[in-house]
């Protein structure tokens, strides 16, 4: 059996809903550009311990958060990027990490070029030197019209 976590995000112009089992993180940006942590990782009693979707009691540990406010951008990630993305132990979003990424996803053109640049960023020495864990990152933001 595989151990896996799950993070789901639903958003529209008026609200954000985040559901999670595991050690993911979701950070959102309000229209006034402030950042907030919509869901932070679930931790067990020991280092690298979390809840997994494949556990029999997974539904009992599921987090569901509903924010009745619009968001301008969103990032969902695995725990491998935590030390770069948030100030621990409060899980306060680190704006110098997120703001350039949100700008990138809103303005970069060409899907193939975006994908290559994004992969290069995640595989770069400054990123890899600060984590030896998985580095999954999903970004979402409306495109800016030219």
Protein backbone atom coordinates (compact mmCIF):
# COMPACT_ATOMS: atom_id res chain seq x y z
CA UNK A 1 0.00 0.00 0.00
CA UNK A 2 1.26 3.46 -0.85
CA UNK A 3 1.24 6.27 1.69
CA UNK A 4 -0.06 9.46 0.13
CA UNK A 5 -1.37 12.81 1.21
CA UNK A 6 -4.10 14.85 -0.45
CA UNK A 7 -4.67 18.57 -0.77
CA UNK A 8 -7.69 19.90 -2.69
CA UNK A 9 -8.45 23.55 -3.44
CA UNK A 10 -11.63 25.04 -4.86
CA UNK A 11 -11.94 28.74 -5.54
CA UNK A 12 -14.19 31.22 -7.27
CA UNK A 13 -14.62 34.99 -7.19
CA UNK A 14 -16.16 34.93 -3.70
CA UNK A 15 -14.62 32.10 -1.69
CA UNK A 16 -11.79 29.59 -1.22
CA UNK A 17 -12.21 26.04 0.11
CA UNK A 18 -9.24 23.90 1.09
CA UNK A 19 -9.43 20.24 2.12
CA UNK A 20 -6.41 18.27 3.26
CA UNK A 21 -5.19 15.01 4.72
CA UNK A 22 -1.43 15.12 5.24
CA UNK A 23 1.52 17.45 5.22
CA UNK A 24 0.79 19.87 2.39
CA UNK A 25 0.57 23.64 2.59
CA UNK A 26 -1.70 26.12 0.81
CA UNK A 27 -0.92 29.84 0.73
CA UNK A 28 -3.29 32.35 -0.84
CA UNK A 29 -2.99 36.00 -1.83
CA UNK A 30 -5.84 38.41 -1.19
CA UNK A 31 -6.69 41.09 -3.75
CA UNK A 32 -4.83 43.64 -1.54
CA UNK A 33 -1.72 41.39 -2.06
CA UNK A 34 -1.49 40.19 1.57
CA UNK A 35 -0.69 36.52 1.97
CA UNK A 36 -2.25 34.00 4.33
CA UNK A 37 -1.82 30.33 5.05
CA UNK A 38 -5.08 28.62 4.12
CA UNK A 39 -4.00 25.22 5.46
CA UNK A 40 -0.78 24.09 7.11
CA UNK A 41 0.72 20.62 7.36
CA UNK A 42 -0.69 18.08 9.74
CA UNK A 43 2.06 16.74 11.96
CA UNK A 44 2.25 13.67 14.15
CA UNK A 45 4.19 13.25 17.37
CA UNK A 46 7.52 12.60 15.62
CA UNK A 47 9.57 14.19 12.83
CA UNK A 48 8.27 13.39 9.33
CA UNK A 49 5.13 11.82 10.77
CA UNK A 50 1.83 12.84 9.20
CA UNK A 51 -1.59 11.47 8.28
CA UNK A 52 -2.06 9.65 5.00
CA UNK A 53 -5.09 9.29 2.77
CA UNK A 54 -4.53 5.53 2.76
CA UNK A 55 -4.89 5.22 6.56
CA UNK A 56 -8.17 3.70 7.81
CA UNK A 57 -8.88 6.79 9.94
CA UNK A 58 -7.98 9.30 7.19
CA UNK A 59 -11.40 10.94 7.07
CA UNK A 60 -11.24 11.59 10.83
CA UNK A 61 -8.07 13.65 10.36
CA UNK A 62 -9.25 15.60 7.28
CA UNK A 63 -9.05 19.38 7.55
CA UNK A 64 -11.62 21.50 5.71
CA UNK A 65 -11.32 25.29 5.70
CA UNK A 66 -13.75 27.67 4.03
CA UNK A 67 -12.75 31.30 3.45
CA UNK A 68 -15.59 33.56 2.35
CA UNK A 69 -13.34 36.00 0.55
CA UNK A 70 -11.82 36.25 -2.91
CA UNK A 71 -8.23 35.27 -3.53
CA UNK A 72 -5.96 36.74 -6.19
CA UNK A 73 -3.50 33.81 -6.36
CA UNK A 74 -2.86 30.49 -4.69
CA UNK A 75 0.01 28.06 -4.14
CA UNK A 76 -0.35 24.45 -3.01
CA UNK A 77 2.81 22.56 -2.15
CA UNK A 78 4.32 19.56 -0.48
CA UNK A 79 6.31 19.82 2.72
CA UNK A 80 9.66 19.79 0.89
CA UNK A 81 9.44 23.54 0.28
CA UNK A 82 8.35 24.55 3.79
CA UNK A 83 11.69 25.97 4.94
CA UNK A 84 11.80 28.23 1.89
CA UNK A 85 8.15 29.24 1.76
CA UNK A 86 7.10 29.94 5.34
CA UNK A 87 8.46 31.12 8.65
CA UNK A 88 8.18 28.28 11.13
CA UNK A 89 6.66 27.41 13.52
CA UNK A 90 3.80 29.85 12.71
CA UNK A 91 3.66 28.86 9.00
CA UNK A 92 3.64 32.57 8.11
CA UNK A 93 4.05 32.96 4.32
CA UNK A 94 7.41 34.36 3.22
CA UNK A 95 6.48 37.07 0.69
CA UNK A 96 9.88 37.08 -1.12
CA UNK A 97 9.25 33.44 -2.02
CA UNK A 98 5.63 33.75 -3.16
CA UNK A 99 5.35 37.19 -4.79
CA UNK A 100 7.75 36.50 -7.68
CA UNK A 101 6.07 33.15 -8.29
CA UNK A 102 2.61 34.68 -8.39
CA UNK A 103 3.86 37.41 -10.75
CA UNK A 104 5.48 34.75 -12.92
CA UNK A 105 2.35 32.64 -13.28
CA UNK A 106 0.21 35.72 -14.05
CA UNK A 107 2.47 37.22 -16.69
CA UNK A 108 4.68 34.57 -18.29
CA UNK A 109 3.62 33.60 -21.78
CA UNK A 110 3.94 30.27 -23.56
CA UNK A 111 3.07 27.12 -21.64
CA UNK A 112 6.19 25.22 -22.70
CA UNK A 113 8.48 28.11 -21.74
CA UNK A 114 6.68 28.49 -18.38
CA UNK A 115 7.07 24.80 -17.67
CA UNK A 116 10.80 24.83 -18.48
CA UNK A 117 11.47 27.93 -16.37
CA UNK A 118 9.43 26.56 -13.47
CA UNK A 119 11.25 23.20 -13.58
CA UNK A 120 14.60 24.99 -13.71
CA UNK A 121 13.62 27.02 -10.65
CA UNK A 122 12.64 23.92 -8.62
CA UNK A 123 15.83 22.09 -9.67
CA UNK A 124 18.15 25.08 -9.12
CA UNK A 125 21.04 24.91 -6.63
CA UNK A 126 19.55 27.55 -4.28
CA UNK A 127 16.35 25.49 -3.97
CA UNK A 128 17.91 22.02 -3.86
CA UNK A 129 20.55 23.07 -1.34
CA UNK A 130 17.79 23.92 1.16
CA UNK A 131 15.69 20.78 0.83
CA UNK A 132 16.24 17.09 0.24
CA UNK A 133 12.54 16.28 0.22
CA UNK A 134 9.94 16.30 -2.55
CA UNK A 135 9.26 19.67 -4.18
CA UNK A 136 5.79 19.69 -5.66
CA UNK A 137 4.34 23.16 -6.21
CA UNK A 138 1.10 24.12 -7.96
CA UNK A 139 0.41 27.80 -8.68
CA UNK A 140 -2.84 29.39 -9.78
CA UNK A 141 -3.64 33.00 -10.62
CA UNK A 142 -5.70 34.78 -13.27
CA UNK A 143 -3.67 35.90 -16.25
CA UNK A 144 -3.19 39.61 -16.64
CA UNK A 145 -4.46 40.97 -19.92
CA UNK A 146 -2.00 42.89 -22.05
